[in-house]
Amino acid sequence: MDVMNRLACAGIVPVVVLEDAKDAIPTANAMMAGGIDVMEITFRTSAAPESIRAVAENCPDMLVGAGTVLNLEQCKLAVQMGAKFIVSPGFDPNVVAWCVENQIPVVPGCVTPTEITAAVNMGLQVVKFFPANVYGGLNAMKNLSAPFVGVKFLPTGGVNTANLREYIDAPFIHAVGGSWVCPKADIAAGNFEKITALCAEARQAAFG
């Protein structure tokens, strides 16, 4: 199964903020125990590169990618460390072009028709929609999906267990992203059983 299909099957792509790389493997294992086998480790912290490496080398059943990738330097570092996909909050043509050229799945943030057009013209079919709750949520994505036939969205921001099913059921949604299944505070405190429970609860809410 290819990377984009793995994301769709997972339904939820956890956005994981790690302050310490030692927490990467326990967090990955906790998620897998809860039924989620993909994770997006965000470049918001300096621990991101080593965290990606740790998961890539020690958790073969976990599909690890990099999130909050803001430039080509971060992108190349993430892939070097073992990231299998790249997610960006915005659309950087340099990042997208490099990923396309090197056959690395990339999901850039696109919330306007202009940005989506740019992504489509570079061969992409899935874009991130962030922050979803600010830019009109499901209604906005439904309207955008009309002219952009075949494009699917990965919304992040304002998605949670309560409204997850509504998002997942929409035909224009590829998967949803979010950090509610792996709160930064619980990772730091070592509450990995809670993360397993939150992942299992989200999977149940998404797919029943």
N, C-alpha and C. Protein backbone atom coordinates (compact mmCIF):
# COMPACT_ATOMS: atom_id res chain seq x y z
N MET A 1 0.85 -1.20 0.00
CA MET A 1 0.00 0.00 0.00
C MET A 1 0.89 1.25 0.00
N ASP A 2 0.59 2.20 -0.88
CA ASP A 2 1.45 3.37 -0.94
C ASP A 2 1.13 4.35 0.20
N VAL A 3 1.97 5.36 0.31
CA VAL A 3 1.90 6.28 1.44
C VAL A 3 0.55 6.99 1.54
N MET A 4 0.06 7.53 0.42
CA MET A 4 -1.19 8.28 0.48
C MET A 4 -2.37 7.38 0.84
N ASN A 5 -2.34 6.14 0.38
CA ASN A 5 -3.38 5.19 0.78
C ASN A 5 -3.29 4.85 2.26
N ARG A 6 -2.07 4.76 2.78
CA ARG A 6 -1.90 4.50 4.22
C ARG A 6 -2.53 5.62 5.04
N LEU A 7 -2.33 6.87 4.60
CA LEU A 7 -2.90 8.01 5.32
C LEU A 7 -4.43 7.93 5.30
N ALA A 8 -4.98 7.59 4.14
CA ALA A 8 -6.44 7.50 4.02
C ALA A 8 -7.00 6.38 4.90
N CYS A 9 -6.31 5.25 4.93
CA CYS A 9 -6.78 4.12 5.74
C CYS A 9 -6.69 4.41 7.23
N ALA A 10 -5.68 5.16 7.62
CA ALA A 10 -5.54 5.52 9.03
C ALA A 10 -6.68 6.46 9.45
N GLY A 11 -7.11 7.31 8.50
CA GLY A 11 -8.19 8.25 8.80
C GLY A 11 -7.72 9.47 9.58
N ILE A 12 -6.91 9.22 10.59
CA ILE A 12 -6.37 10.30 11.43
C ILE A 12 -4.85 10.30 11.27
N VAL A 13 -4.31 11.48 10.95
CA VAL A 13 -2.86 11.64 10.87
C VAL A 13 -2.44 12.48 12.07
N PRO A 14 -1.97 11.84 13.14
CA PRO A 14 -1.62 12.60 14.35
C PRO A 14 -0.46 13.56 14.10
N VAL A 15 -0.65 14.80 14.56
CA VAL A 15 0.42 15.80 14.50
C VAL A 15 1.15 15.73 15.85
N VAL A 16 2.39 15.25 15.82
CA VAL A 16 3.11 14.90 17.04
C VAL A 16 4.20 15.93 17.33
N VAL A 17 4.09 16.57 18.49
CA VAL A 17 5.09 17.55 18.91
C VAL A 17 5.96 16.90 19.98
N LEU A 18 7.23 16.69 19.64
CA LEU A 18 8.16 16.03 20.57
C LEU A 18 9.23 17.02 21.02
N GLU A 19 9.32 17.21 22.32
CA GLU A 19 10.36 18.09 22.87
C GLU A 19 11.66 17.32 23.11
N ASP A 20 11.55 15.99 23.20
CA ASP A 20 12.71 15.15 23.47
C ASP A 20 12.62 13.89 22.61
N ALA A 21 13.68 13.61 21.86
CA ALA A 21 13.66 12.47 20.94
C ALA A 21 13.48 11.13 21.65
N LYS A 22 13.80 11.06 22.95
CA LYS A 22 13.64 9.80 23.68
C LYS A 22 12.17 9.38 23.77
N ASP A 23 11.27 10.34 23.58
CA ASP A 23 9.83 10.03 23.66
C ASP A 23 9.26 9.53 22.33
N ALA A 24 10.06 9.58 21.27
CA ALA A 24 9.53 9.26 19.93
C ALA A 24 9.06 7.82 19.81
N ILE A 25 9.90 6.87 20.22
CA ILE A 25 9.54 5.46 20.07
C ILE A 25 8.37 5.07 20.96
N PRO A 26 8.36 5.45 22.26
CA PRO A 26 7.19 5.13 23.08
C PRO A 26 5.89 5.73 22.55
N THR A 27 5.98 6.94 21.98
CA THR A 27 4.79 7.58 21.42
C THR A 27 4.30 6.80 20.20
N ALA A 28 5.22 6.41 19.34
CA ALA A 28 4.85 5.61 18.15
C ALA A 28 4.21 4.29 18.57
N ASN A 29 4.80 3.63 19.55
CA ASN A 29 4.25 2.35 20.00
C ASN A 29 2.88 2.52 20.64
N ALA A 30 2.69 3.62 21.37
CA ALA A 30 1.39 3.89 22.01
C ALA A 30 0.31 4.11 20.95
N MET A 31 0.67 4.83 19.88
CA MET A 31 -0.29 5.06 18.80
C MET A 31 -0.66 3.76 18.10
N MET A 32 0.35 2.95 17.80
CA MET A 32 0.08 1.69 17.11
C MET A 32 -0.80 0.78 17.96
N ALA A 33 -0.60 0.81 19.28
CA ALA A 33 -1.44 0.02 20.19
C ALA A 33 -2.90 0.50 20.14
N GLY A 34 -3.07 1.79 19.80
CA GLY A 34 -4.42 2.35 19.68
C GLY A 34 -5.00 2.26 18.28
N GLY A 35 -4.26 1.63 17.36
CA GLY A 35 -4.78 1.38 16.02
C GLY A 35 -4.41 2.38 14.96
N ILE A 36 -3.50 3.32 15.26
CA ILE A 36 -3.07 4.31 14.28
C ILE A 36 -1.61 4.07 13.94
N ASP A 37 -1.33 3.83 12.65
CA ASP A 37 0.03 3.45 12.26
C ASP A 37 0.70 4.49 11.35
N VAL A 38 0.25 5.75 11.46
CA VAL A 38 0.93 6.86 10.77
C VAL A 38 1.12 7.99 11.78
N MET A 39 2.20 8.75 11.62
CA MET A 39 2.40 9.90 12.49
C MET A 39 3.19 10.98 11.76
N GLU A 40 2.82 12.20 12.01
CA GLU A 40 3.48 13.37 11.41
C GLU A 40 4.23 14.09 12.53
N ILE A 41 5.55 13.92 12.55
CA ILE A 41 6.36 14.58 13.58
C ILE A 41 6.68 16.00 13.10
N THR A 42 6.25 16.97 13.88
CA THR A 42 6.34 18.36 13.44
C THR A 42 7.71 18.97 13.72
N PHE A 43 8.15 19.78 12.77
CA PHE A 43 9.41 20.50 12.89
C PHE A 43 9.30 21.75 13.76
N ARG A 44 8.31 21.78 14.65
CA ARG A 44 8.18 22.93 15.55
C ARG A 44 9.24 22.88 16.66
N THR A 45 9.89 21.73 16.85
CA THR A 45 10.91 21.61 17.90
C THR A 45 12.23 21.12 17.29
N SER A 46 13.31 21.37 18.02
CA SER A 46 14.63 20.94 17.56
C SER A 46 14.81 19.43 17.65
N ALA A 47 13.91 18.76 18.39
CA ALA A 47 14.00 17.30 18.53
C ALA A 47 13.44 16.55 17.33
N ALA A 48 12.82 17.28 16.40
CA ALA A 48 12.12 16.62 15.28
C ALA A 48 13.02 15.70 14.44
N PRO A 49 14.17 16.16 13.97
CA PRO A 49 14.98 15.29 13.09
C PRO A 49 15.36 13.97 13.75
N GLU A 50 15.87 14.03 15.00
CA GLU A 50 16.27 12.80 15.69
C GLU A 50 15.06 11.94 16.04
N SER A 51 13.93 12.57 16.29
CA SER A 51 12.70 11.81 16.58
C SER A 51 12.27 11.02 15.36
N ILE A 52 12.34 11.67 14.20
CA ILE A 52 11.98 10.99 12.94
C ILE A 52 12.93 9.81 12.71
N ARG A 53 14.21 10.05 12.93
CA ARG A 53 15.19 8.98 12.74
C ARG A 53 14.91 7.79 13.67
N ALA A 54 14.61 8.10 14.93
CA ALA A 54 14.35 7.04 15.91
C ALA A 54 13.18 6.16 15.50
N VAL A 55 12.10 6.78 15.07
CA VAL A 55 10.91 6.02 14.66
C VAL A 55 11.19 5.25 13.37
N ALA A 56 11.82 5.91 12.41
CA ALA A 56 12.10 5.26 11.12
C ALA A 56 12.97 4.02 11.29
N GLU A 57 13.92 4.08 12.22
CA GLU A 57 14.86 2.98 12.40
C GLU A 57 14.36 1.89 13.33
N ASN A 58 13.44 2.24 14.24
CA ASN A 58 13.06 1.28 15.29
C ASN A 58 11.60 0.83 15.25
N CYS A 59 10.77 1.49 14.46
CA CYS A 59 9.34 1.14 14.42
C CYS A 59 8.93 0.90 12.96
N PRO A 60 9.30 -0.26 12.39
CA PRO A 60 9.06 -0.51 10.97
C PRO A 60 7.59 -0.50 10.56
N ASP A 61 6.69 -0.74 11.53
CA ASP A 61 5.26 -0.77 11.19
C ASP A 61 4.61 0.61 11.23
N MET A 62 5.36 1.61 11.69
CA MET A 62 4.84 2.98 11.75
C MET A 62 5.31 3.77 10.53
N LEU A 63 4.37 4.39 9.85
CA LEU A 63 4.69 5.27 8.72
C LEU A 63 4.93 6.67 9.28
N VAL A 64 6.18 7.10 9.25
CA VAL A 64 6.52 8.39 9.86
C VAL A 64 6.79 9.44 8.79
N GLY A 65 6.21 10.62 8.99
CA GLY A 65 6.44 11.74 8.10
C GLY A 65 6.83 12.96 8.90
N ALA A 66 7.12 14.05 8.19
CA ALA A 66 7.50 15.31 8.84
C ALA A 66 6.44 16.36 8.57
N GLY A 67 6.10 17.12 9.60
CA GLY A 67 5.13 18.20 9.45
C GLY A 67 5.74 19.55 9.75
N THR A 68 4.97 20.60 9.48
CA THR A 68 5.42 21.98 9.66
C THR A 68 6.75 22.20 8.95
N VAL A 69 6.88 21.63 7.77
CA VAL A 69 8.09 21.81 6.96
C VAL A 69 7.95 23.12 6.20
N LEU A 70 8.82 24.08 6.52
CA LEU A 70 8.67 25.45 6.02
C LEU A 70 9.61 25.79 4.87
N ASN A 71 10.64 24.97 4.67
CA ASN A 71 11.59 25.29 3.61
C ASN A 71 12.26 24.02 3.09
N LEU A 72 13.01 24.16 2.02
CA LEU A 72 13.64 23.01 1.36
C LEU A 72 14.70 22.37 2.24
N GLU A 73 15.41 23.17 3.03
CA GLU A 73 16.43 22.62 3.92
C GLU A 73 15.82 21.64 4.93
N GLN A 74 14.73 22.05 5.56
CA GLN A 74 14.03 21.17 6.50
C GLN A 74 13.52 19.92 5.79
N CYS A 75 12.99 20.11 4.60
CA CYS A 75 12.44 19.00 3.82
C CYS A 75 13.51 17.94 3.55
N LYS A 76 14.64 18.38 3.06
CA LYS A 76 15.72 17.44 2.75
C LYS A 76 16.24 16.74 4.01
N LEU A 77 16.34 17.48 5.12
CA LEU A 77 16.78 16.89 6.38
C LEU A 77 15.79 15.82 6.86
N ALA A 78 14.50 16.13 6.76
CA ALA A 78 13.48 15.19 7.20
C ALA A 78 13.56 13.88 6.42
N VAL A 79 13.70 13.99 5.10
CA VAL A 79 13.79 12.79 4.25
C VAL A 79 15.08 12.01 4.56
N GLN A 80 16.16 12.75 4.78
CA GLN A 80 17.44 12.13 5.13
C GLN A 80 17.30 11.32 6.43
N MET A 81 16.50 11.82 7.36
CA MET A 81 16.29 11.15 8.64
C MET A 81 15.30 9.99 8.57
N GLY A 82 14.61 9.87 7.43
CA GLY A 82 13.70 8.73 7.27
C GLY A 82 12.24 9.06 7.10
N ALA A 83 11.90 10.35 6.98
CA ALA A 83 10.50 10.73 6.77
C ALA A 83 10.02 10.20 5.43
N LYS A 84 8.84 9.60 5.44
CA LYS A 84 8.27 9.00 4.22
C LYS A 84 7.28 9.92 3.52
N PHE A 85 6.91 11.02 4.19
CA PHE A 85 6.04 12.01 3.56
C PHE A 85 6.29 13.36 4.22
N ILE A 86 5.93 14.42 3.51
CA ILE A 86 6.16 15.79 3.98
C ILE A 86 4.82 16.53 4.01
N VAL A 87 4.59 17.24 5.11
CA VAL A 87 3.39 18.08 5.24
C VAL A 87 3.83 19.50 5.57
N SER A 88 3.27 20.47 4.87
CA SER A 88 3.60 21.89 5.10
C SER A 88 2.34 22.66 5.44
N PRO A 89 2.45 23.69 6.28
CA PRO A 89 1.27 24.51 6.56
C PRO A 89 0.87 25.41 5.40
N GLY A 90 1.84 25.68 4.50
CA GLY A 90 1.57 26.52 3.33
C GLY A 90 2.14 25.90 2.07
N PHE A 91 2.04 26.62 0.97
CA PHE A 91 2.51 26.10 -0.31
C PHE A 91 3.86 26.73 -0.66
N ASP A 92 4.92 25.93 -0.62
CA ASP A 92 6.24 26.38 -1.04
C ASP A 92 6.60 25.63 -2.33
N PRO A 93 6.65 26.32 -3.47
CA PRO A 93 6.90 25.63 -4.74
C PRO A 93 8.23 24.89 -4.77
N ASN A 94 9.23 25.38 -4.04
CA ASN A 94 10.52 24.70 -4.01
C ASN A 94 10.43 23.35 -3.31
N VAL A 95 9.73 23.33 -2.19
CA VAL A 95 9.54 22.08 -1.45
C VAL A 95 8.73 21.08 -2.29
N VAL A 96 7.63 21.56 -2.87
CA VAL A 96 6.77 20.67 -3.66
C VAL A 96 7.53 20.13 -4.87
N ALA A 97 8.25 21.00 -5.58
CA ALA A 97 8.98 20.56 -6.78
C ALA A 97 10.02 19.51 -6.44
N TRP A 98 10.75 19.72 -5.34
CA TRP A 98 11.79 18.76 -4.94
C TRP A 98 11.16 17.41 -4.57
N CYS A 99 10.05 17.46 -3.83
CA CYS A 99 9.38 16.22 -3.43
C CYS A 99 8.85 15.46 -4.65
N VAL A 100 8.24 16.18 -5.58
CA VAL A 100 7.71 15.56 -6.79
C VAL A 100 8.85 14.91 -7.59
N GLU A 101 9.94 15.65 -7.72
CA GLU A 101 11.10 15.16 -8.48
C GLU A 101 11.70 13.91 -7.84
N ASN A 102 11.66 13.85 -6.49
CA ASN A 102 12.27 12.73 -5.77
C ASN A 102 11.25 11.69 -5.30
N GLN A 103 10.02 11.82 -5.81
CA GLN A 103 8.94 10.86 -5.52
C GLN A 103 8.68 10.71 -4.02
N ILE A 104 8.70 11.85 -3.31
CA ILE A 104 8.34 11.90 -1.90
C ILE A 104 6.93 12.48 -1.80
N PRO A 105 5.97 11.74 -1.27
CA PRO A 105 4.63 12.29 -1.14
C PRO A 105 4.65 13.58 -0.31
N VAL A 106 3.98 14.61 -0.82
CA VAL A 106 3.98 15.90 -0.14
C VAL A 106 2.55 16.44 -0.09
N VAL A 107 2.18 17.00 1.06
CA VAL A 107 0.85 17.56 1.27
C VAL A 107 1.02 19.01 1.74
N PRO A 108 1.02 19.96 0.80
CA PRO A 108 1.18 21.37 1.19
C PRO A 108 -0.14 21.99 1.62
N GLY A 109 -0.04 23.01 2.46
CA GLY A 109 -1.23 23.72 2.89
C GLY A 109 -1.76 24.63 1.78
N CYS A 110 -3.03 24.43 1.42
CA CYS A 110 -3.66 25.21 0.35
C CYS A 110 -5.10 25.51 0.77
N VAL A 111 -5.44 26.79 0.94
CA VAL A 111 -6.80 27.13 1.34
C VAL A 111 -7.51 28.03 0.33
N THR A 112 -6.78 28.51 -0.70
CA THR A 112 -7.41 29.37 -1.71
C THR A 112 -7.41 28.66 -3.06
N PRO A 113 -8.31 29.07 -3.96
CA PRO A 113 -8.31 28.49 -5.30
C PRO A 113 -6.96 28.64 -6.00
N THR A 114 -6.28 29.75 -5.77
CA THR A 114 -4.97 29.99 -6.40
C THR A 114 -3.95 28.96 -5.91
N GLU A 115 -3.92 28.73 -4.61
CA GLU A 115 -2.97 27.75 -4.05
C GLU A 115 -3.29 26.34 -4.52
N ILE A 116 -4.56 25.99 -4.53
CA ILE A 116 -4.96 24.65 -4.98
C ILE A 116 -4.61 24.46 -6.45
N THR A 117 -4.83 25.50 -7.26
CA THR A 117 -4.46 25.44 -8.67
C THR A 117 -2.97 25.16 -8.82
N ALA A 118 -2.15 25.86 -8.03
CA ALA A 118 -0.70 25.65 -8.09
C ALA A 118 -0.33 24.22 -7.75
N ALA A 119 -0.98 23.66 -6.73
CA ALA A 119 -0.71 22.28 -6.32
C ALA A 119 -1.13 21.29 -7.41
N VAL A 120 -2.32 21.49 -7.96
CA VAL A 120 -2.82 20.60 -9.01
C VAL A 120 -1.90 20.64 -10.23
N ASN A 121 -1.44 21.84 -10.58
CA ASN A 121 -0.57 21.99 -11.75
C ASN A 121 0.81 21.36 -11.55
N MET A 122 1.13 21.02 -10.29
CA MET A 122 2.38 20.30 -10.01
C MET A 122 2.12 18.82 -9.79
N GLY A 123 0.89 18.40 -10.09
CA GLY A 123 0.58 16.98 -10.06
C GLY A 123 0.02 16.43 -8.75
N LEU A 124 -0.32 17.32 -7.81
CA LEU A 124 -0.82 16.85 -6.52
C LEU A 124 -2.34 16.69 -6.53
N GLN A 125 -2.82 15.75 -5.73
CA GLN A 125 -4.27 15.52 -5.61
C GLN A 125 -4.76 15.64 -4.18
N VAL A 126 -3.84 15.73 -3.23
CA VAL A 126 -4.22 15.89 -1.82
C VAL A 126 -3.50 17.11 -1.26
N VAL A 127 -4.26 18.02 -0.62
CA VAL A 127 -3.67 19.21 -0.01
C VAL A 127 -4.14 19.32 1.44
N LYS A 128 -3.30 19.96 2.24
CA LYS A 128 -3.66 20.23 3.63
C LYS A 128 -4.56 21.47 3.66
N PHE A 129 -5.52 21.47 4.57
CA PHE A 129 -6.42 22.63 4.72
C PHE A 129 -6.29 23.10 6.16
N PHE A 130 -5.53 24.19 6.36
CA PHE A 130 -5.18 24.61 7.72
C PHE A 130 -5.15 26.13 7.83
N PRO A 131 -5.67 26.67 8.95
CA PRO A 131 -6.49 26.00 9.97
C PRO A 131 -7.94 25.86 9.49
N ALA A 132 -8.42 24.65 9.49
CA ALA A 132 -9.72 24.34 8.88
C ALA A 132 -10.87 25.13 9.52
N ASN A 133 -10.82 25.26 10.85
CA ASN A 133 -11.93 25.95 11.53
C ASN A 133 -11.93 27.45 11.25
N VAL A 134 -10.79 28.01 10.88
CA VAL A 134 -10.70 29.44 10.56
C VAL A 134 -11.15 29.71 9.12
N TYR A 135 -10.80 28.78 8.21
CA TYR A 135 -11.05 29.00 6.78
C TYR A 135 -12.36 28.38 6.27
N GLY A 136 -13.28 28.10 7.16
CA GLY A 136 -14.61 27.71 6.71
C GLY A 136 -14.95 26.24 6.82
N GLY A 137 -14.02 25.44 7.33
CA GLY A 137 -14.30 24.04 7.61
C GLY A 137 -14.85 23.24 6.43
N LEU A 138 -15.74 22.32 6.74
CA LEU A 138 -16.28 21.41 5.72
C LEU A 138 -16.99 22.15 4.60
N ASN A 139 -17.71 23.22 4.94
CA ASN A 139 -18.46 23.95 3.92
C ASN A 139 -17.52 24.56 2.88
N ALA A 140 -16.40 25.11 3.35
CA ALA A 140 -15.42 25.70 2.42
C ALA A 140 -14.82 24.62 1.52
N MET A 141 -14.44 23.49 2.13
CA MET A 141 -13.82 22.41 1.35
C MET A 141 -14.80 21.81 0.35
N LYS A 142 -16.07 21.74 0.75
CA LYS A 142 -17.10 21.23 -0.18
C LYS A 142 -17.19 22.14 -1.40
N ASN A 143 -17.21 23.44 -1.16
CA ASN A 143 -17.31 24.39 -2.28
C ASN A 143 -16.06 24.39 -3.14
N LEU A 144 -14.89 24.25 -2.53
CA LEU A 144 -13.64 24.21 -3.28
C LEU A 144 -13.51 22.92 -4.10
N SER A 145 -14.10 21.85 -3.59
CA SER A 145 -13.97 20.56 -4.29
C SER A 145 -14.77 20.53 -5.60
N ALA A 146 -15.74 21.45 -5.74
CA ALA A 146 -16.57 21.46 -6.96
C ALA A 146 -15.74 21.78 -8.21
N PRO A 147 -14.96 22.88 -8.23
CA PRO A 147 -14.16 23.15 -9.42
C PRO A 147 -12.91 22.28 -9.51
N PHE A 148 -12.43 21.81 -8.35
CA PHE A 148 -11.20 21.00 -8.34
C PHE A 148 -11.58 19.53 -8.20
N VAL A 149 -12.08 18.98 -9.28
CA VAL A 149 -12.57 17.59 -9.27
C VAL A 149 -11.40 16.64 -8.99
N GLY A 150 -11.61 15.77 -8.02
CA GLY A 150 -10.58 14.78 -7.70
C GLY A 150 -9.62 15.21 -6.61
N VAL A 151 -9.61 16.50 -6.26
CA VAL A 151 -8.74 16.97 -5.19
C VAL A 151 -9.36 16.60 -3.84
N LYS A 152 -8.52 16.11 -2.93
CA LYS A 152 -8.99 15.79 -1.58
C LYS A 152 -8.20 16.59 -0.57
N PHE A 153 -8.81 16.77 0.59
CA PHE A 153 -8.24 17.63 1.62
C PHE A 153 -7.84 16.84 2.86
N LEU A 154 -6.79 17.34 3.52
CA LEU A 154 -6.38 16.83 4.83
C LEU A 154 -6.51 18.01 5.80
N PRO A 155 -7.69 18.17 6.39
CA PRO A 155 -7.91 19.33 7.26
C PRO A 155 -7.28 19.14 8.64
N THR A 156 -6.74 20.21 9.17
CA THR A 156 -6.19 20.25 10.52
C THR A 156 -6.61 21.57 11.15
N GLY A 157 -6.97 21.50 12.42
CA GLY A 157 -7.40 22.72 13.12
C GLY A 157 -8.89 22.68 13.36
N GLY A 158 -9.27 22.42 14.60
CA GLY A 158 -10.69 22.37 14.95
C GLY A 158 -11.33 21.01 14.77
N VAL A 159 -10.56 20.03 14.30
CA VAL A 159 -11.10 18.67 14.18
C VAL A 159 -10.84 17.94 15.49
N ASN A 160 -11.83 17.21 15.97
CA ASN A 160 -11.68 16.46 17.22
C ASN A 160 -12.58 15.22 17.18
N THR A 161 -12.56 14.45 18.24
CA THR A 161 -13.32 13.20 18.26
C THR A 161 -14.81 13.45 18.05
N ALA A 162 -15.32 14.60 18.55
CA ALA A 162 -16.75 14.89 18.46
C ALA A 162 -17.22 15.11 17.02
N ASN A 163 -16.41 15.78 16.19
CA ASN A 163 -16.85 16.07 14.82
C ASN A 163 -16.10 15.25 13.77
N LEU A 164 -15.28 14.32 14.22
CA LEU A 164 -14.42 13.55 13.33
C LEU A 164 -15.19 12.80 12.26
N ARG A 165 -16.28 12.12 12.65
CA ARG A 165 -17.03 11.29 11.71
C ARG A 165 -17.62 12.13 10.57
N GLU A 166 -18.06 13.33 10.92
CA GLU A 166 -18.62 14.26 9.92
C GLU A 166 -17.58 14.57 8.84
N TYR A 167 -16.34 14.77 9.28
CA TYR A 167 -15.25 15.04 8.33
C TYR A 167 -14.93 13.80 7.50
N ILE A 168 -14.71 12.68 8.19
CA ILE A 168 -14.29 11.44 7.52
C ILE A 168 -15.30 11.00 6.46
N ASP A 169 -16.58 11.23 6.73
CA ASP A 169 -17.64 10.77 5.82
C ASP A 169 -17.74 11.63 4.56
N ALA A 170 -17.17 12.83 4.58
CA ALA A 170 -17.26 13.71 3.40
C ALA A 170 -16.38 13.15 2.27
N PRO A 171 -16.91 13.07 1.05
CA PRO A 171 -16.19 12.42 -0.05
C PRO A 171 -14.91 13.15 -0.47
N PHE A 172 -14.79 14.42 -0.09
CA PHE A 172 -13.63 15.22 -0.50
C PHE A 172 -12.54 15.25 0.59
N ILE A 173 -12.72 14.47 1.66
CA ILE A 173 -11.72 14.41 2.73
C ILE A 173 -10.86 13.16 2.55
N HIS A 174 -9.54 13.35 2.53
CA HIS A 174 -8.61 12.22 2.40
C HIS A 174 -8.37 11.59 3.77
N ALA A 175 -8.11 12.41 4.75
CA ALA A 175 -7.91 12.02 6.15
C ALA A 175 -7.94 13.33 6.93
N VAL A 176 -7.89 13.25 8.25
CA VAL A 176 -7.83 14.48 9.05
C VAL A 176 -6.55 14.47 9.87
N GLY A 177 -6.06 15.67 10.18
CA GLY A 177 -4.88 15.79 11.01
C GLY A 177 -5.23 16.44 12.33
N GLY A 178 -4.40 16.20 13.34
CA GLY A 178 -4.65 16.85 14.62
C GLY A 178 -3.76 16.30 15.71
N SER A 179 -3.64 17.08 16.77
CA SER A 179 -2.77 16.67 17.87
C SER A 179 -3.56 16.21 19.09
N TRP A 180 -4.90 16.19 18.99
CA TRP A 180 -5.69 15.84 20.16
C TRP A 180 -5.51 14.38 20.57
N VAL A 181 -5.04 13.53 19.68
CA VAL A 181 -4.84 12.11 20.04
C VAL A 181 -3.47 11.89 20.69
N CYS A 182 -2.63 12.92 20.69
CA CYS A 182 -1.29 12.78 21.29
C CYS A 182 -0.86 14.11 21.90
N PRO A 183 -1.58 14.57 22.95
CA PRO A 183 -1.28 15.88 23.54
C PRO A 183 0.19 15.97 23.97
N LYS A 184 0.78 17.12 23.68
CA LYS A 184 2.19 17.35 23.99
C LYS A 184 2.47 17.11 25.48
N ALA A 185 1.55 17.55 26.34
CA ALA A 185 1.75 17.40 27.78
C ALA A 185 1.78 15.93 28.19
N ASP A 186 0.95 15.12 27.57
CA ASP A 186 0.92 13.69 27.90
C ASP A 186 2.17 12.98 27.42
N ILE A 187 2.68 13.38 26.25
CA ILE A 187 3.94 12.81 25.77
C ILE A 187 5.06 13.14 26.75
N ALA A 188 5.15 14.40 27.13
CA ALA A 188 6.22 14.84 28.04
C ALA A 188 6.13 14.16 29.40
N ALA A 189 4.87 13.90 29.83
CA ALA A 189 4.68 13.27 31.16
C ALA A 189 4.77 11.75 31.11
N GLY A 190 4.92 11.20 29.90
CA GLY A 190 5.00 9.75 29.77
C GLY A 190 3.67 9.04 29.91
N ASN A 191 2.57 9.76 29.66
CA ASN A 191 1.23 9.15 29.77
C ASN A 191 0.88 8.41 28.47
N PHE A 192 1.65 7.39 28.16
CA PHE A 192 1.49 6.72 26.87
C PHE A 192 0.22 5.86 26.80
N GLU A 193 -0.23 5.37 27.95
CA GLU A 193 -1.50 4.61 27.96
C GLU A 193 -2.67 5.50 27.58
N LYS A 194 -2.60 6.77 28.00
CA LYS A 194 -3.66 7.71 27.63
C LYS A 194 -3.66 7.96 26.13
N ILE A 195 -2.45 8.07 25.53
CA ILE A 195 -2.35 8.26 24.08
C ILE A 195 -2.93 7.08 23.34
N THR A 196 -2.65 5.86 23.81
CA THR A 196 -3.25 4.67 23.21
C THR A 196 -4.78 4.75 23.27
N ALA A 197 -5.30 5.15 24.43
CA ALA A 197 -6.76 5.25 24.61
C ALA A 197 -7.35 6.32 23.69
N LEU A 198 -6.68 7.47 23.57
CA LEU A 198 -7.18 8.54 22.70
C LEU A 198 -7.17 8.12 21.23
N CYS A 199 -6.14 7.40 20.82
CA CYS A 199 -6.07 6.91 19.43
C CYS A 199 -7.18 5.90 19.16
N ALA A 200 -7.38 4.99 20.10
CA ALA A 200 -8.44 3.98 19.93
C ALA A 200 -9.82 4.64 19.87
N GLU A 201 -10.01 5.65 20.71
CA GLU A 201 -11.29 6.39 20.75
C GLU A 201 -11.52 7.12 19.41
N ALA A 202 -10.46 7.70 18.87
CA ALA A 202 -10.58 8.42 17.59
C ALA A 202 -10.87 7.45 16.45
N ARG A 203 -10.21 6.32 16.44
CA ARG A 203 -10.46 5.30 15.40
C ARG A 203 -11.92 4.83 15.46
N GLN A 204 -12.41 4.62 16.69
CA GLN A 204 -13.79 4.19 16.87
C GLN A 204 -14.76 5.27 16.37
N ALA A 205 -14.46 6.52 16.69
CA ALA A 205 -15.32 7.63 16.25
C ALA A 205 -15.31 7.77 14.73
N ALA A 206 -14.16 7.51 14.13
CA ALA A 206 -14.04 7.69 12.68
C ALA A 206 -14.70 6.57 11.89
N PHE A 207 -14.51 5.35 12.35
CA PHE A 207 -14.93 4.20 11.53
C PHE A 207 -15.94 3.27 12.21
N GLY A 208 -16.21 3.52 13.51
CA GLY A 208 -17.20 2.70 14.21
C GLY A 208 -16.70 1.30 14.53
